[in-house]
Every structure is written in C-alpha cells, then in structure tokens.
Amino acid sequence: MTDGPEYYTVIGRYDDSGETTVAVLPFDASAGDPHMAALRHTGQLSEQGEFEVVAVLRGKCEVLVTQQSLRLFAERLLSK
C-alpha cells in the first residue's frame, strides 16, 4: 500500500484559448507533493501556450462537464 494516491487528476486551462484540459497522471513518489506534480505538468504543457493548473484531485476522476461541454449544452438549450 502506498502513502499517497495512485493517481492525480489535473484540471487546467490554456489562457489564450480558454480550452480546459483534464489529465490523469500516475502518482510519482519522487515528485512527493501534488504541487510538484502540478508544476511538472504545467512545464510539459506550457510549450503549447500559456497553461495554468486550476485544480489537482486525488485519484482518477471521471470528467462529466467541462467549460466547453457546458457552453455547447447551453447553446443547444437556448436554440430550442
């Protein structure tokens, strides 16, 4: 049994496009703190644009709604 979670779910967004991202990352004991996992993930994605972490969750989390899916859902409702 590990001391930490087996996975982290990282929710982030790109500043330029507002695109939301969700990534499930395996727990890395060498990273230790979830803040370090978030910084590493930010570093990897910042090559693709200004990226910021919104939240880091413990474990694998199933994504039900994102900013984009909510916008599309609302547009469909309003168009009826």
PDB file of N, CA and C in Angstrom:
ATOM      1  N   MET A   1       0.835  -1.176   0.000  1.00  0.00           N
ATOM      2  CA  MET A   1       0.000   0.000   0.000  1.00  0.00           C
ATOM      3  C   MET A   1       0.883   1.244   0.000  1.00  0.00           C
ATOM      4  N   THR A   2       0.525   2.245  -0.826  1.00  0.00           N
ATOM      5  CA  THR A   2       1.320   3.456  -0.917  1.00  0.00           C
ATOM      6  C   THR A   2       0.824   4.496   0.077  1.00  0.00           C
ATOM      7  N   ASP A   3       1.717   5.427   0.398  1.00  0.00           N
ATOM      8  CA  ASP A   3       1.343   6.508   1.306  1.00  0.00           C
ATOM      9  C   ASP A   3       0.470   7.548   0.608  1.00  0.00           C
ATOM     10  N   GLY A   4       0.644   7.704  -0.689  1.00  0.00           N
ATOM     11  CA  GLY A   4      -0.102   8.710  -1.439  1.00  0.00           C
ATOM     12  C   GLY A   4      -1.110   8.063  -2.355  1.00  0.00           C
ATOM     13  N   PRO A   5      -1.780   8.880  -3.136  1.00  0.00           N
ATOM     14  CA  PRO A   5      -2.743   8.353  -4.100  1.00  0.00           C
ATOM     15  C   PRO A   5      -2.010   7.632  -5.222  1.00  0.00           C
ATOM     16  N   GLU A   6      -2.701   6.765  -5.922  1.00  0.00           N
ATOM     17  CA  GLU A   6      -2.088   6.083  -7.060  1.00  0.00           C
ATOM     18  C   GLU A   6      -2.077   6.985  -8.283  1.00  0.00           C
ATOM     19  N   TYR A   7      -3.022   7.907  -8.341  1.00  0.00           N
ATOM     20  CA  TYR A   7      -3.140   8.822  -9.479  1.00  0.00           C
ATOM     21  C   TYR A   7      -3.531  10.211  -8.992  1.00  0.00           C
ATOM     22  N   TYR A   8      -3.226  11.206  -9.833  1.00  0.00           N
ATOM     23  CA  TYR A   8      -3.734  12.564  -9.673  1.00  0.00           C
ATOM     24  C   TYR A   8      -4.524  12.904 -10.919  1.00  0.00           C
ATOM     25  N   THR A   9      -5.602  13.634 -10.759  1.00  0.00           N
ATOM     26  CA  THR A   9      -6.309  14.203 -11.895  1.00  0.00           C
ATOM     27  C   THR A   9      -6.030  15.693 -11.876  1.00  0.00           C
ATOM     28  N   VAL A  10      -5.431  16.189 -12.963  1.00  0.00           N
ATOM     29  CA  VAL A  10      -5.049  17.588 -13.051  1.00  0.00           C
ATOM     30  C   VAL A  10      -6.001  18.294 -14.015  1.00  0.00           C
ATOM     31  N   ILE A  11      -6.654  19.332 -13.529  1.00  0.00           N
ATOM     32  CA  ILE A  11      -7.546  20.145 -14.349  1.00  0.00           C
ATOM     33  C   ILE A  11      -6.831  21.462 -14.610  1.00  0.00           C
ATOM     34  N   GLY A  12      -6.762  21.833 -15.875  1.00  0.00           N
ATOM     35  CA  GLY A  12      -6.075  23.066 -16.229  1.00  0.00           C
ATOM     36  C   GLY A  12      -6.736  23.737 -17.407  1.00  0.00           C
ATOM     37  N   ARG A  13      -6.159  24.874 -17.792  1.00  0.00           N
ATOM     38  CA  ARG A  13      -6.697  25.591 -18.936  1.00  0.00           C
ATOM     39  C   ARG A  13      -5.595  26.401 -19.590  1.00  0.00           C
ATOM     40  N   TYR A  14      -5.788  26.631 -20.888  1.00  0.00           N
ATOM     41  CA  TYR A  14      -4.887  27.495 -21.646  1.00  0.00           C
ATOM     42  C   TYR A  14      -5.448  28.909 -21.620  1.00  0.00           C
ATOM     43  N   ASP A  15      -4.622  29.878 -21.241  1.00  0.00           N
ATOM     44  CA  ASP A  15      -5.068  31.259 -21.141  1.00  0.00           C
ATOM     45  C   ASP A  15      -5.502  31.835 -22.484  1.00  0.00           C
ATOM     46  N   ASP A  16      -4.747  31.519 -23.540  1.00  0.00           N
ATOM     47  CA  ASP A  16      -5.040  32.128 -24.830  1.00  0.00           C
ATOM     48  C   ASP A  16      -6.355  31.648 -25.443  1.00  0.00           C
ATOM     49  N   SER A  17      -6.661  30.362 -25.311  1.00  0.00           N
ATOM     50  CA  SER A  17      -7.883  29.819 -25.925  1.00  0.00           C
ATOM     51  C   SER A  17      -8.995  29.564 -24.912  1.00  0.00           C
ATOM     52  N   GLY A  18      -8.636  29.462 -23.630  1.00  0.00           N
ATOM     53  CA  GLY A  18      -9.620  29.121 -22.606  1.00  0.00           C
ATOM     54  C   GLY A  18      -9.944  27.641 -22.590  1.00  0.00           C
ATOM     55  N   GLU A  19      -9.271  26.858 -23.445  1.00  0.00           N
ATOM     56  CA  GLU A  19      -9.522  25.416 -23.521  1.00  0.00           C
ATOM     57  C   GLU A  19      -9.190  24.750 -22.197  1.00  0.00           C
ATOM     58  N   THR A  20     -10.111  23.925 -21.722  1.00  0.00           N
ATOM     59  CA  THR A  20      -9.921  23.181 -20.485  1.00  0.00           C
ATOM     60  C   THR A  20      -9.266  21.843 -20.797  1.00  0.00           C
ATOM     61  N   THR A  21      -8.352  21.417 -19.946  1.00  0.00           N
ATOM     62  CA  THR A  21      -7.739  20.109 -20.104  1.00  0.00           C
ATOM     63  C   THR A  21      -7.891  19.325 -18.806  1.00  0.00           C
ATOM     64  N   VAL A  22      -8.001  18.031 -18.951  1.00  0.00           N
ATOM     65  CA  VAL A  22      -8.045  17.136 -17.798  1.00  0.00           C
ATOM     66  C   VAL A  22      -7.079  16.001 -18.098  1.00  0.00           C
ATOM     67  N   ALA A  23      -6.152  15.765 -17.186  1.00  0.00           N
ATOM     68  CA  ALA A  23      -5.165  14.706 -17.371  1.00  0.00           C
ATOM     69  C   ALA A  23      -5.092  13.862 -16.111  1.00  0.00           C
ATOM     70  N   VAL A  24      -5.034  12.558 -16.303  1.00  0.00           N
ATOM     71  CA  VAL A  24      -4.828  11.632 -15.187  1.00  0.00           C
ATOM     72  C   VAL A  24      -3.363  11.233 -15.220  1.00  0.00           C
ATOM     73  N   LEU A  25      -2.665  11.553 -14.143  1.00  0.00           N
ATOM     74  CA  LEU A  25      -1.241  11.270 -14.048  1.00  0.00           C
ATOM     75  C   LEU A  25      -0.983  10.226 -12.980  1.00  0.00           C
ATOM     76  N   PRO A  26      -0.104   9.277 -13.260  1.00  0.00           N
ATOM     77  CA  PRO A  26       0.237   8.309 -12.219  1.00  0.00           C
ATOM     78  C   PRO A  26       0.994   9.003 -11.092  1.00  0.00           C
ATOM     79  N   PHE A  27       0.758   8.540  -9.883  1.00  0.00           N
ATOM     80  CA  PHE A  27       1.467   9.069  -8.724  1.00  0.00           C
ATOM     81  C   PHE A  27       2.944   8.750  -8.871  1.00  0.00           C
ATOM     82  N   ASP A  28       3.776   9.740  -8.659  1.00  0.00           N
ATOM     83  CA  ASP A  28       5.225   9.585  -8.759  1.00  0.00           C
ATOM     84  C   ASP A  28       5.816   9.903  -7.394  1.00  0.00           C
ATOM     85  N   ALA A  29       6.316   8.887  -6.713  1.00  0.00           N
ATOM     86  CA  ALA A  29       6.845   9.079  -5.365  1.00  0.00           C
ATOM     87  C   ALA A  29       7.993  10.082  -5.345  1.00  0.00           C
ATOM     88  N   SER A  30       8.745  10.185  -6.449  1.00  0.00           N
ATOM     89  CA  SER A  30       9.861  11.139  -6.479  1.00  0.00           C
ATOM     90  C   SER A  30       9.350  12.578  -6.510  1.00  0.00           C
ATOM     91  N   ALA A  31       8.125  12.786  -7.026  1.00  0.00           N
ATOM     92  CA  ALA A  31       7.549  14.128  -7.036  1.00  0.00           C
ATOM     93  C   ALA A  31       7.077  14.500  -5.636  1.00  0.00           C
ATOM     94  N   GLY A  32       6.660  13.473  -4.876  1.00  0.00           N
ATOM     95  CA  GLY A  32       6.234  13.714  -3.498  1.00  0.00           C
ATOM     96  C   GLY A  32       4.938  14.478  -3.400  1.00  0.00           C
ATOM     97  N   ASP A  33       5.028  15.754  -3.321  1.00  0.00           N
ATOM     98  CA  ASP A  33       3.898  16.640  -3.116  1.00  0.00           C
ATOM     99  C   ASP A  33       3.093  16.817  -4.412  1.00  0.00           C
ATOM    100  N   PRO A  34       1.763  16.890  -4.318  1.00  0.00           N
ATOM    101  CA  PRO A  34       0.960  17.103  -5.526  1.00  0.00           C
ATOM    102  C   PRO A  34       1.267  18.437  -6.207  1.00  0.00           C
ATOM    103  N   HIS A  35       1.792  19.403  -5.454  1.00  0.00           N
ATOM    104  CA  HIS A  35       2.180  20.673  -6.061  1.00  0.00           C
ATOM    105  C   HIS A  35       3.303  20.462  -7.079  1.00  0.00           C
ATOM    106  N   MET A  36       4.229  19.544  -6.761  1.00  0.00           N
ATOM    107  CA  MET A  36       5.327  19.246  -7.684  1.00  0.00           C
ATOM    108  C   MET A  36       4.788  18.576  -8.942  1.00  0.00           C
ATOM    109  N   ALA A  37       3.822  17.683  -8.791  1.00  0.00           N
ATOM    110  CA  ALA A  37       3.204  17.044  -9.957  1.00  0.00           C
ATOM    111  C   ALA A  37       2.536  18.099 -10.834  1.00  0.00           C
ATOM    112  N   ALA A  38       1.875  19.065 -10.218  1.00  0.00           N
ATOM    113  CA  ALA A  38       1.221  20.138 -10.967  1.00  0.00           C
ATOM    114  C   ALA A  38       2.247  20.993 -11.704  1.00  0.00           C
ATOM    115  N   LEU A  39       3.358  21.309 -11.052  1.00  0.00           N
ATOM    116  CA  LEU A  39       4.397  22.103 -11.705  1.00  0.00           C
ATOM    117  C   LEU A  39       5.017  21.366 -12.885  1.00  0.00           C
ATOM    118  N   ARG A  40       5.260  20.083 -12.735  1.00  0.00           N
ATOM    119  CA  ARG A  40       5.813  19.295 -13.844  1.00  0.00           C
ATOM    120  C   ARG A  40       4.848  19.257 -15.021  1.00  0.00           C
ATOM    121  N   HIS A  41       3.584  19.049 -14.723  1.00  0.00           N
ATOM    122  CA  HIS A  41       2.562  19.000 -15.769  1.00  0.00           C
ATOM    123  C   HIS A  41       2.462  20.356 -16.472  1.00  0.00           C
ATOM    124  N   THR A  42       2.508  21.435 -15.715  1.00  0.00           N
ATOM    125  CA  THR A  42       2.477  22.782 -16.291  1.00  0.00           C
ATOM    126  C   THR A  42       3.670  22.991 -17.213  1.00  0.00           C
ATOM    127  N   GLY A  43       4.826  22.554 -16.777  1.00  0.00           N
ATOM    128  CA  GLY A  43       6.029  22.684 -17.603  1.00  0.00           C
ATOM    129  C   GLY A  43       5.920  21.934 -18.911  1.00  0.00           C
ATOM    130  N   GLN A  44       5.322  20.759 -18.884  1.00  0.00           N
ATOM    131  CA  GLN A  44       5.170  19.970 -20.107  1.00  0.00           C
ATOM    132  C   GLN A  44       4.196  20.624 -21.080  1.00  0.00           C
ATOM    133  N   LEU A  45       3.128  21.210 -20.569  1.00  0.00           N
ATOM    134  CA  LEU A  45       2.104  21.775 -21.445  1.00  0.00           C
ATOM    135  C   LEU A  45       2.337  23.227 -21.818  1.00  0.00           C
ATOM    136  N   SER A  46       3.221  23.915 -21.118  1.00  0.00           N
ATOM    137  CA  SER A  46       3.421  25.332 -21.388  1.00  0.00           C
ATOM    138  C   SER A  46       4.069  25.564 -22.751  1.00  0.00           C
ATOM    139  N   GLU A  47       4.647  24.523 -23.346  1.00  0.00           N
ATOM    140  CA  GLU A  47       5.205  24.654 -24.693  1.00  0.00           C
ATOM    141  C   GLU A  47       4.101  24.896 -25.714  1.00  0.00           C
ATOM    142  N   GLN A  48       2.875  24.491 -25.389  1.00  0.00           N
ATOM    143  CA  GLN A  48       1.750  24.618 -26.306  1.00  0.00           C
ATOM    144  C   GLN A  48       0.981  25.920 -26.075  1.00  0.00           C
ATOM    145  N   GLY A  49       1.393  26.748 -25.143  1.00  0.00           N
ATOM    146  CA  GLY A  49       0.722  28.011 -24.840  1.00  0.00           C
ATOM    147  C   GLY A  49       0.741  28.259 -23.349  1.00  0.00           C
ATOM    148  N   GLU A  50       0.210  29.411 -22.946  1.00  0.00           N
ATOM    149  CA  GLU A  50       0.137  29.740 -21.523  1.00  0.00           C
ATOM    150  C   GLU A  50      -0.846  28.812 -20.831  1.00  0.00           C
ATOM    151  N   PHE A  51      -0.342  27.941 -19.992  1.00  0.00           N
ATOM    152  CA  PHE A  51      -1.146  26.931 -19.324  1.00  0.00           C
ATOM    153  C   PHE A  51      -1.142  27.189 -17.828  1.00  0.00           C
ATOM    154  N   GLU A  52      -2.310  27.027 -17.213  1.00  0.00           N
ATOM    155  CA  GLU A  52      -2.390  27.156 -15.761  1.00  0.00           C
ATOM    156  C   GLU A  52      -3.176  25.984 -15.187  1.00  0.00           C
ATOM    157  N   VAL A  53      -2.764  25.536 -14.021  1.00  0.00           N
ATOM    158  CA  VAL A  53      -3.466  24.475 -13.315  1.00  0.00           C
ATOM    159  C   VAL A  53      -4.603  25.104 -12.525  1.00  0.00           C
ATOM    160  N   VAL A  54      -5.802  24.540 -12.675  1.00  0.00           N
ATOM    161  CA  VAL A  54      -6.963  25.013 -11.923  1.00  0.00           C
ATOM    162  C   VAL A  54      -7.105  24.218 -10.633  1.00  0.00           C
ATOM    163  N   ALA A  55      -6.903  22.893 -10.720  1.00  0.00           N
ATOM    164  CA  ALA A  55      -7.019  22.035  -9.531  1.00  0.00           C
ATOM    165  C   ALA A  55      -6.313  20.711  -9.769  1.00  0.00           C
ATOM    166  N   VAL A  56      -5.864  20.098  -8.681  1.00  0.00           N
ATOM    167  CA  VAL A  56      -5.318  18.741  -8.701  1.00  0.00           C
ATOM    168  C   VAL A  56      -6.154  17.925  -7.729  1.00  0.00           C
ATOM    169  N   LEU A  57      -6.727  16.851  -8.236  1.00  0.00           N
ATOM    170  CA  LEU A  57      -7.599  15.998  -7.431  1.00  0.00           C
ATOM    171  C   LEU A  57      -6.916  14.672  -7.151  1.00  0.00           C
ATOM    172  N   ARG A  58      -7.265  14.065  -6.045  1.00  0.00           N
ATOM    173  CA  ARG A  58      -6.705  12.762  -5.675  1.00  0.00           C
ATOM    174  C   ARG A  58      -7.428  11.677  -6.462  1.00  0.00           C
ATOM    175  N   GLY A  59      -6.653  10.776  -7.046  1.00  0.00           N
ATOM    176  CA  GLY A  59      -7.222   9.621  -7.743  1.00  0.00           C
ATOM    177  C   GLY A  59      -7.627   9.928  -9.176  1.00  0.00           C
ATOM    178  N   LYS A  60      -8.247   8.931  -9.796  1.00  0.00           N
ATOM    179  CA  LYS A  60      -8.773   9.071 -11.154  1.00  0.00           C
ATOM    180  C   LYS A  60     -10.188   9.608 -11.049  1.00  0.00           C
ATOM    181  N   CYS A  61     -10.425  10.730 -11.669  1.00  0.00           N
ATOM    182  CA  CYS A  61     -11.747  11.343 -11.617  1.00  0.00           C
ATOM    183  C   CYS A  61     -12.344  11.367 -13.016  1.00  0.00           C
ATOM    184  N   GLU A  62     -13.557  10.901 -13.128  1.00  0.00           N
ATOM    185  CA  GLU A  62     -14.249  10.900 -14.407  1.00  0.00           C
ATOM    186  C   GLU A  62     -14.784  12.304 -14.669  1.00  0.00           C
ATOM    187  N   VAL A  63     -14.481  12.825 -15.841  1.00  0.00           N
ATOM    188  CA  VAL A  63     -14.919  14.172 -16.199  1.00  0.00           C
ATOM    189  C   VAL A  63     -16.333  14.094 -16.737  1.00  0.00           C
ATOM    190  N   LEU A  64     -17.233  14.833 -16.126  1.00  0.00           N
ATOM    191  CA  LEU A  64     -18.626  14.856 -16.551  1.00  0.00           C
ATOM    192  C   LEU A  64     -18.958  16.114 -17.343  1.00  0.00           C
ATOM    193  N   VAL A  65     -18.388  17.237 -16.943  1.00  0.00           N
ATOM    194  CA  VAL A  65     -18.668  18.512 -17.597  1.00  0.00           C
ATOM    195  C   VAL A  65     -17.370  19.310 -17.674  1.00  0.00           C
ATOM    196  N   THR A  66     -17.122  19.900 -18.830  1.00  0.00           N
ATOM    197  CA  THR A  66     -16.022  20.849 -18.976  1.00  0.00           C
ATOM    198  C   THR A  66     -16.623  22.192 -19.369  1.00  0.00           C
ATOM    199  N   GLN A  67     -15.809  23.202 -19.387  1.00  0.00           N
ATOM    200  CA  GLN A  67     -16.261  24.530 -19.785  1.00  0.00           C
ATOM    201  C   GLN A  67     -16.847  24.485 -21.194  1.00  0.00           C
ATOM    202  N   GLN A  68     -16.168  23.757 -22.087  1.00  0.00           N
ATOM    203  CA  GLN A  68     -16.628  23.661 -23.472  1.00  0.00           C
ATOM    204  C   GLN A  68     -17.930  22.884 -23.578  1.00  0.00           C
ATOM    205  N   SER A  69     -18.036  21.751 -22.872  1.00  0.00           N
ATOM    206  CA  SER A  69     -19.256  20.949 -22.980  1.00  0.00           C
ATOM    207  C   SER A  69     -20.448  21.680 -22.375  1.00  0.00           C
ATOM    208  N   LEU A  70     -20.210  22.447 -21.324  1.00  0.00           N
ATOM    209  CA  LEU A  70     -21.290  23.223 -20.716  1.00  0.00           C
ATOM    210  C   LEU A  70     -21.778  24.315 -21.667  1.00  0.00           C
ATOM    211  N   ARG A  71     -20.832  24.974 -22.342  1.00  0.00           N
ATOM    212  CA  ARG A  71     -21.196  26.013 -23.301  1.00  0.00           C
ATOM    213  C   ARG A  71     -22.027  25.416 -24.442  1.00  0.00           C
ATOM    214  N   LEU A  72     -21.586  24.271 -24.991  1.00  0.00           N
ATOM    215  CA  LEU A  72     -22.333  23.621 -26.068  1.00  0.00           C
ATOM    216  C   LEU A  72     -23.717  23.185 -25.600  1.00  0.00           C
ATOM    217  N   PHE A  73     -23.813  22.650 -24.401  1.00  0.00           N
ATOM    218  CA  PHE A  73     -25.087  22.220 -23.844  1.00  0.00           C
ATOM    219  C   PHE A  73     -26.045  23.409 -23.716  1.00  0.00           C
ATOM    220  N   ALA A  74     -25.525  24.517 -23.178  1.00  0.00           N
ATOM    221  CA  ALA A  74     -26.353  25.711 -23.001  1.00  0.00           C
ATOM    222  C   ALA A  74     -26.804  26.265 -24.350  1.00  0.00           C
ATOM    223  N   GLU A  75     -25.915  26.261 -25.344  1.00  0.00           N
ATOM    224  CA  GLU A  75     -26.279  26.738 -26.687  1.00  0.00           C
ATOM    225  C   GLU A  75     -27.400  25.894 -27.282  1.00  0.00           C
ATOM    226  N   ARG A  76     -27.329  24.582 -27.090  1.00  0.00           N
ATOM    227  CA  ARG A  76     -28.401  23.694 -27.601  1.00  0.00           C
ATOM    228  C   ARG A  76     -29.722  23.990 -26.906  1.00  0.00           C
ATOM    229  N   LEU A  77     -29.658  24.203 -25.588  1.00  0.00           N
ATOM    230  CA  LEU A  77     -30.890  24.528 -24.860  1.00  0.00           C
ATOM    231  C   LEU A  77     -31.516  25.836 -25.336  1.00  0.00           C
ATOM    232  N   LEU A  78     -30.674  26.819 -25.550  1.00  0.00           N
ATOM    233  CA  LEU A  78     -31.163  28.130 -25.959  1.00  0.00           C
ATOM    234  C   LEU A  78     -31.676  28.147 -27.391  1.00  0.00           C
ATOM    235  N   SER A  79     -31.177  27.237 -28.218  1.00  0.00           N
ATOM    236  CA  SER A  79     -31.602  27.215 -29.619  1.00  0.00           C
ATOM    237  C   SER A  79     -32.939  26.505 -29.832  1.00  0.00           C
ATOM    238  N   LYS A  80     -33.467  25.884 -28.796  1.00  0.00           N
ATOM    239  CA  LYS A  80     -34.753  25.165 -28.907  1.00  0.00           C
ATOM    240  C   LYS A  80     -35.908  26.098 -28.851  1.00  0.00           C
TER     241      LYS A  80
END
